[in-house]
Amino acid sequence: MLQGSSLTRLAHVALTCAAAFIGWTSLPAQADNYPSRAIRLIVPSPPGGGTDTQARILAPKLSELLGQTVVIDNRPGASGNIGAQVVSKASPDGYTLLAMISSHVINQFVLISVPYNLDKDFAMISRTVTVPGVLIGNPSLPAKNLKELLAYLKANPGKVALGSAGIGSLSHLIVELFEQDAGVKLLHVPYRGTQPALNDTLSGQVSLDVPDLTIALGQIKAGKLRAYGVTSAQRSVAAPDIPTLAEQGITGFNAVQWFGLCAPAGTPPAIINKLHDAVVKALNDPDVKARYAKLAMTPEPSASPAEYAQFVHDEGLRWGKVVKDAHITAK
């Protein structure tokens, strides 16, 4: 016959098991009812930049499709790490999402410490849009096209200055990749941000730059900058007359700024799939596509969350190799 203490322990075990069972069986119901309140989208940059703008184009359409408001919450700083850390520690219920950027992959190789692990702390949802870089030059350069530019660079190794957004930035890594693939040597001049590098290219303080096409297109069309080629595999619909670097002889060159969405690790797969489906529908909306096209952004949703997770992993392998080969040290 069970004594009082044994009965108490048995009752405690029974209640614990019942609670666990109820919690487990409630997950599908939670996914079915999701979302039942507003969703917070953490944007790891200040308002007004490319990361913020692309998120603000997507958010209203997601709100419409999901039936709940998607609220932008800007958390800039530390190359996107502050915003990513907020999401990595959030409840895995689908109500806190991260607007990912290429820097989240690169940071692990160029920063001394990163407060998250991409493979363990996040559940990937989908890539959203991509933006090609564009190799631009001050019109004072004697080279009129990429063929002439490569010849000029090879005749002047290490003498032609090229600006970037900073050590370890995506534009810096694109410069390193360009040097490796084209067999040239440039004088790299890092700036503290994209706009200062662009400004000095316009003024002739540096001769070359590789910014996003989004911010350089107006100056290219005005004739204030010369475009030698876009860094994507295909030409941009926003500038179809600018050839790719790949089609001009740098075979296979493809390096773009990309954006995506992810949630905290442990978010139920049913919620991840529902968010993925909404992203795909939103990015295929004609009005959304038209708004992105004006900014030289191309919607490129992933076929599945698993494909996006593989893409993020592969990007890490790729840029990690570039950092290693270029001997870029952590900062």
Protein backbone atom coordinates (compact mmCIF):
# COMPACT_ATOMS: atom_id res chain seq x y z
CA MET A 1 0.00 0.00 0.00
CA LEU A 2 1.39 3.41 -0.98
CA GLN A 3 2.20 5.82 1.83
CA GLY A 4 1.33 9.55 1.77
CA SER A 5 4.76 10.67 0.55
CA SER A 6 4.73 8.09 -2.23
CA LEU A 7 1.28 9.19 -3.30
CA THR A 8 2.48 12.80 -3.37
CA ARG A 9 5.46 11.88 -5.57
CA LEU A 10 3.25 9.82 -7.87
CA ALA A 11 0.79 12.66 -8.19
CA HIS A 12 3.61 15.09 -9.00
CA VAL A 13 4.95 12.78 -11.72
CA ALA A 14 1.45 12.36 -13.16
CA LEU A 15 0.86 16.12 -13.24
CA THR A 16 4.28 16.72 -14.86
CA CYS A 17 3.57 14.15 -17.58
CA ALA A 18 0.10 15.57 -18.16
CA ALA A 19 1.50 19.10 -18.49
CA ALA A 20 4.15 17.92 -20.95
CA PHE A 21 1.50 16.07 -22.98
CA ILE A 22 -0.78 19.09 -23.05
CA GLY A 23 2.13 21.32 -24.08
CA TRP A 24 3.15 18.92 -26.87
CA THR A 25 -0.39 18.49 -28.19
CA SER A 26 -0.97 22.26 -28.15
CA LEU A 27 1.81 22.97 -30.67
CA PRO A 28 -0.27 22.12 -33.75
CA ALA A 29 -3.12 24.20 -32.39
CA GLN A 30 -0.75 27.12 -31.84
CA ALA A 31 0.47 26.80 -35.41
CA ASP A 32 -3.11 26.60 -36.72
CA ASN A 33 -4.03 29.79 -34.88
CA TYR A 34 -0.82 31.60 -35.80
CA PRO A 35 -0.59 34.52 -35.91
CA SER A 36 -3.08 35.74 -33.33
CA ARG A 37 -1.30 39.03 -32.57
CA ALA A 38 1.21 41.45 -34.07
CA ILE A 39 4.57 40.16 -35.29
CA ARG A 40 7.76 42.11 -34.50
CA LEU A 41 10.30 42.26 -37.33
CA ILE A 42 13.73 43.23 -36.01
CA VAL A 43 15.65 45.28 -38.59
CA PRO A 44 19.34 45.43 -37.59
CA SER A 45 19.97 48.85 -39.13
CA PRO A 46 18.80 52.46 -38.75
CA PRO A 47 15.67 53.69 -40.56
CA GLY A 48 16.18 54.78 -44.16
CA GLY A 49 18.93 52.45 -45.35
CA GLY A 50 18.63 49.59 -47.81
CA THR A 51 18.01 46.95 -45.13
CA ASP A 52 15.24 49.03 -43.57
CA THR A 53 13.69 49.99 -46.91
CA GLN A 54 13.44 46.44 -48.24
CA ALA A 55 11.82 45.32 -44.96
CA ARG A 56 9.28 48.15 -45.06
CA ILE A 57 8.24 47.17 -48.59
CA LEU A 58 7.71 43.56 -47.54
CA ALA A 59 6.05 44.09 -44.13
CA PRO A 60 2.68 45.53 -45.29
CA LYS A 61 2.11 42.67 -47.75
CA LEU A 62 3.01 40.10 -45.08
CA SER A 63 0.56 41.82 -42.72
CA GLU A 64 -2.14 41.51 -45.34
CA LEU A 65 -1.44 37.83 -46.02
CA LEU A 66 -1.07 36.81 -42.38
CA GLY A 67 -3.94 38.87 -41.04
CA GLN A 68 -1.82 40.52 -38.34
CA THR A 69 0.36 43.63 -38.34
CA VAL A 70 4.08 43.14 -38.94
CA VAL A 71 5.76 45.89 -36.92
CA ILE A 72 9.26 47.11 -37.84
CA ASP A 73 11.59 47.42 -34.83
CA ASN A 74 14.96 48.97 -35.75
CA ARG A 75 17.87 47.66 -33.65
CA PRO A 76 21.03 48.95 -35.37
CA GLY A 77 24.62 48.42 -34.33
CA ALA A 78 27.63 46.11 -34.40
CA SER A 79 27.27 45.16 -38.08
CA GLY A 80 23.81 43.75 -37.45
CA ASN A 81 24.79 41.76 -34.36
CA ILE A 82 22.62 43.68 -31.89
CA GLY A 83 19.43 42.92 -33.78
CA ALA A 84 20.44 39.31 -34.34
CA GLN A 85 21.14 38.79 -30.65
CA VAL A 86 17.68 40.12 -29.74
CA VAL A 87 16.05 37.55 -32.00
CA SER A 88 18.32 34.68 -30.93
CA LYS A 89 17.11 35.13 -27.35
CA ALA A 90 13.43 35.71 -28.16
CA SER A 91 10.65 33.23 -27.50
CA PRO A 92 10.44 30.68 -30.39
CA ASP A 93 6.78 31.37 -31.10
CA GLY A 94 6.96 33.16 -34.46
CA TYR A 95 6.24 36.61 -33.07
CA THR A 96 9.83 37.91 -33.26
CA LEU A 97 11.62 37.68 -36.62
CA LEU A 98 14.95 38.94 -37.94
CA ALA A 99 15.55 40.73 -41.22
CA MET A 100 18.82 38.99 -42.08
CA ILE A 101 21.61 40.56 -44.11
CA SER A 102 24.78 39.22 -45.69
CA SER A 103 26.80 40.64 -42.78
CA HIS A 104 25.29 38.07 -40.43
CA VAL A 105 27.20 35.40 -42.35
CA ILE A 106 30.41 37.42 -42.73
CA ASN A 107 30.64 38.64 -39.11
CA GLN A 108 31.73 35.27 -37.76
CA PHE A 109 34.93 35.53 -39.81
CA VAL A 110 35.83 39.21 -39.43
CA LEU A 111 34.82 40.00 -35.85
CA ILE A 112 36.58 38.72 -32.73
CA SER A 113 33.30 37.57 -31.18
CA VAL A 114 29.72 37.17 -32.38
CA PRO A 115 26.87 36.77 -29.84
CA TYR A 116 25.03 34.07 -31.76
CA ASN A 117 25.54 30.92 -33.79
CA LEU A 118 23.82 30.98 -37.18
CA ASP A 119 23.52 27.20 -37.35
CA LYS A 120 22.16 26.73 -33.83
CA ASP A 121 20.32 29.88 -32.75
CA PHE A 122 17.98 30.50 -35.69
CA ALA A 123 15.30 28.80 -37.74
CA MET A 124 15.66 29.94 -41.35
CA ILE A 125 12.54 31.03 -43.25
CA SER A 126 13.51 32.37 -46.69
CA ARG A 127 15.77 34.63 -48.67
CA THR A 128 13.80 37.72 -49.71
CA VAL A 129 15.65 40.02 -52.14
CA THR A 130 19.11 40.45 -53.61
CA VAL A 131 20.97 43.56 -54.77
CA PRO A 132 23.97 43.36 -57.11
CA GLY A 133 27.06 45.37 -56.48
CA VAL A 134 28.44 47.41 -59.34
CA LEU A 135 32.10 48.09 -60.13
CA ILE A 136 32.21 51.84 -60.74
CA GLY A 137 34.97 54.28 -61.57
CA ASN A 138 35.55 57.99 -61.64
CA PRO A 139 35.31 59.19 -65.27
CA SER A 140 38.89 60.47 -65.02
CA LEU A 141 40.13 56.89 -65.33
CA PRO A 142 41.44 56.22 -68.85
CA ALA A 143 39.69 52.83 -69.05
CA LYS A 144 36.32 53.00 -70.83
CA ASN A 145 35.25 49.39 -70.27
CA LEU A 146 36.19 46.35 -68.17
CA LYS A 147 38.70 45.00 -70.69
CA GLU A 148 40.57 48.29 -70.69
CA LEU A 149 40.28 48.54 -66.90
CA LEU A 150 41.83 45.12 -66.35
CA ALA A 151 44.70 45.99 -68.67
CA TYR A 152 45.22 49.29 -66.82
CA LEU A 153 45.18 47.58 -63.41
CA LYS A 154 47.67 44.94 -64.52
CA ALA A 155 49.96 47.67 -65.82
CA ASN A 156 49.68 49.52 -62.49
CA PRO A 157 49.59 46.84 -59.76
CA GLY A 158 48.71 48.18 -56.31
CA LYS A 159 48.51 51.77 -57.50
CA VAL A 160 44.80 52.25 -58.30
CA ALA A 161 42.78 53.10 -55.18
CA LEU A 162 39.46 51.39 -54.61
CA GLY A 163 37.18 52.37 -51.73
CA SER A 164 35.00 50.03 -49.68
CA ALA A 165 32.51 50.36 -46.83
CA GLY A 166 35.15 49.14 -44.37
CA ILE A 167 37.39 46.25 -43.38
CA GLY A 168 35.38 43.03 -43.47
CA SER A 169 32.34 44.59 -45.14
CA LEU A 170 30.67 42.83 -48.04
CA SER A 171 32.07 45.40 -50.47
CA HIS A 172 35.57 44.71 -49.12
CA LEU A 173 35.13 40.97 -49.64
CA ILE A 174 33.82 41.57 -53.17
CA VAL A 175 36.97 43.60 -53.84
CA GLU A 176 39.11 40.69 -52.60
CA LEU A 177 37.14 38.21 -54.70
CA PHE A 178 37.50 40.47 -57.75
CA GLU A 179 41.27 40.68 -57.24
CA GLN A 180 41.54 36.90 -56.93
CA ASP A 181 39.37 36.10 -59.94
CA ALA A 182 40.64 38.87 -62.23
CA GLY A 183 44.31 38.47 -61.29
CA VAL A 184 44.83 42.13 -60.37
CA LYS A 185 46.08 44.05 -57.33
CA LEU A 186 44.37 47.20 -56.07
CA LEU A 187 45.11 49.72 -53.34
CA HIS A 188 42.23 49.06 -50.92
CA VAL A 189 41.00 52.15 -49.04
CA PRO A 190 38.44 51.24 -46.32
CA TYR A 191 35.88 53.84 -45.26
CA ARG A 192 33.39 53.90 -42.41
CA GLY A 193 30.33 53.18 -44.51
CA THR A 194 29.13 52.98 -48.08
CA GLN A 195 28.28 56.64 -48.64
CA PRO A 196 31.72 58.09 -47.73
CA ALA A 197 33.39 55.68 -50.16
CA LEU A 198 30.93 56.64 -52.89
CA ASN A 199 31.44 60.36 -52.22
CA ASP A 200 35.20 60.05 -52.57
CA THR A 201 34.81 58.07 -55.80
CA LEU A 202 32.66 60.88 -57.17
CA SER A 203 35.25 63.48 -56.18
CA GLY A 204 38.17 61.42 -57.49
CA GLN A 205 39.86 60.84 -54.12
CA VAL A 206 39.70 57.15 -55.01
CA SER A 207 39.30 55.78 -58.51
CA LEU A 208 37.04 52.75 -57.99
CA ASP A 209 34.29 51.47 -55.72
CA VAL A 210 31.91 48.48 -55.53
CA PRO A 211 28.73 49.75 -53.84
CA ASP A 212 25.23 48.32 -54.15
CA LEU A 213 23.67 49.22 -57.49
CA THR A 214 20.80 50.78 -55.55
CA ILE A 215 22.82 53.76 -54.30
CA ALA A 216 25.03 54.21 -57.37
CA LEU A 217 22.49 53.95 -60.18
CA GLY A 218 21.44 57.61 -60.13
CA GLN A 219 25.03 58.83 -60.42
CA ILE A 220 25.73 56.31 -63.19
CA LYS A 221 22.72 57.50 -65.20
CA ALA A 222 23.80 61.11 -64.67
CA GLY A 223 27.22 60.31 -66.14
CA LYS A 224 29.05 61.14 -62.91
CA LEU A 225 30.32 57.58 -62.54
CA ARG A 226 31.32 54.94 -65.08
CA ALA A 227 29.92 51.43 -64.61
CA TYR A 228 32.26 48.57 -65.54
CA GLY A 229 29.88 45.74 -64.64
CA VAL A 230 27.45 44.38 -62.08
CA THR A 231 28.58 41.66 -59.70
CA SER A 232 25.52 39.41 -60.06
CA ALA A 233 25.23 36.38 -62.35
CA GLN A 234 22.53 38.09 -64.43
CA ARG A 235 22.04 41.69 -65.49
CA SER A 236 19.78 43.81 -63.30
CA VAL A 237 16.33 44.71 -64.64
CA ALA A 238 16.95 48.17 -63.20
CA ALA A 239 20.02 48.64 -65.41
CA PRO A 240 19.84 46.12 -68.27
CA ASP A 241 22.48 48.00 -70.26
CA ILE A 242 25.19 47.33 -67.65
CA PRO A 243 26.83 43.95 -68.40
CA THR A 244 27.85 41.52 -65.69
CA LEU A 245 31.48 40.98 -64.79
CA ALA A 246 30.97 37.29 -65.59
CA GLU A 247 29.88 37.88 -69.17
CA GLN A 248 32.92 40.10 -69.73
CA GLY A 249 35.45 37.42 -68.94
CA ILE A 250 35.52 36.98 -65.15
CA THR A 251 33.84 33.61 -65.45
CA GLY A 252 31.41 32.58 -62.72
CA PHE A 253 31.65 35.84 -60.79
CA ASN A 254 28.54 36.24 -58.63
CA ALA A 255 28.53 38.23 -55.40
CA VAL A 256 25.45 40.09 -54.21
CA GLN A 257 23.99 41.69 -51.13
CA TRP A 258 21.11 39.52 -49.94
CA PHE A 259 18.37 39.80 -47.38
CA GLY A 260 16.21 37.18 -45.71
CA LEU A 261 14.03 36.25 -42.76
CA CYS A 262 14.62 33.94 -39.84
CA ALA A 263 13.11 33.18 -36.42
CA PRO A 264 14.56 31.94 -33.13
CA ALA A 265 15.64 28.29 -33.08
CA GLY A 266 12.88 26.03 -31.84
CA THR A 267 10.08 27.84 -33.64
CA PRO A 268 7.56 25.13 -34.70
CA PRO A 269 8.07 23.98 -38.31
CA ALA A 270 4.39 24.61 -39.09
CA ILE A 271 4.87 28.30 -38.22
CA ILE A 272 8.10 28.49 -40.22
CA ASN A 273 6.33 26.98 -43.23
CA LYS A 274 3.39 29.37 -42.89
CA LEU A 275 5.79 32.33 -42.83
CA HIS A 276 7.74 30.96 -45.80
CA ASP A 277 4.57 30.59 -47.87
CA ALA A 278 3.54 34.16 -47.01
CA VAL A 279 6.97 35.49 -48.02
CA VAL A 280 6.80 33.71 -51.39
CA LYS A 281 3.32 35.10 -52.08
CA ALA A 282 4.34 38.60 -51.00
CA LEU A 283 7.43 38.64 -53.21
CA ASN A 284 5.41 37.48 -56.22
CA ASP A 285 2.93 40.32 -55.82
CA PRO A 286 3.23 42.63 -58.87
CA ASP A 287 3.13 45.82 -56.82
CA VAL A 288 5.81 44.57 -54.43
CA LYS A 289 8.01 43.46 -57.34
CA ALA A 290 7.61 46.84 -59.02
CA ARG A 291 8.61 48.72 -55.86
CA TYR A 292 11.71 46.58 -55.46
CA ALA A 293 12.62 47.00 -59.15
CA LYS A 294 12.80 50.77 -58.71
CA LEU A 295 15.51 50.19 -56.09
CA ALA A 296 17.46 47.67 -58.22
CA MET A 297 16.36 44.92 -55.84
CA THR A 298 15.31 41.50 -57.14
CA PRO A 299 12.88 39.25 -55.22
CA GLU A 300 14.46 35.81 -54.86
CA PRO A 301 12.51 33.74 -52.32
CA SER A 302 13.92 30.36 -51.36
CA ALA A 303 12.08 27.25 -52.52
CA SER A 304 11.85 26.07 -48.92
CA PRO A 305 13.17 26.91 -45.44
CA ALA A 306 15.63 24.03 -45.83
CA GLU A 307 16.98 25.51 -49.06
CA TYR A 308 17.48 28.86 -47.37
CA ALA A 309 19.29 27.21 -44.46
CA GLN A 310 21.61 25.50 -46.95
CA PHE A 311 22.16 28.80 -48.79
CA VAL A 312 23.16 30.55 -45.55
CA HIS A 313 25.52 27.70 -44.67
CA ASP A 314 27.10 27.75 -48.15
CA GLU A 315 27.55 31.53 -47.99
CA GLY A 316 29.48 31.05 -44.77
CA LEU A 317 31.82 28.54 -46.39
CA ARG A 318 32.33 30.80 -49.39
CA TRP A 319 33.07 34.06 -47.61
CA GLY A 320 35.07 32.31 -44.92
CA LYS A 321 37.44 31.10 -47.64
CA VAL A 322 37.73 34.60 -49.13
CA VAL A 323 38.58 36.05 -45.69
CA LYS A 324 41.18 33.33 -45.12
CA ASP A 325 42.77 33.65 -48.55
CA ALA A 326 42.92 37.44 -48.25
CA HIS A 327 44.39 37.24 -44.72
CA ILE A 328 41.73 39.58 -43.31
CA THR A 329 42.17 39.70 -39.53
CA ALA A 330 39.35 39.88 -37.01
CA LYS A 331 38.55 43.26 -35.53
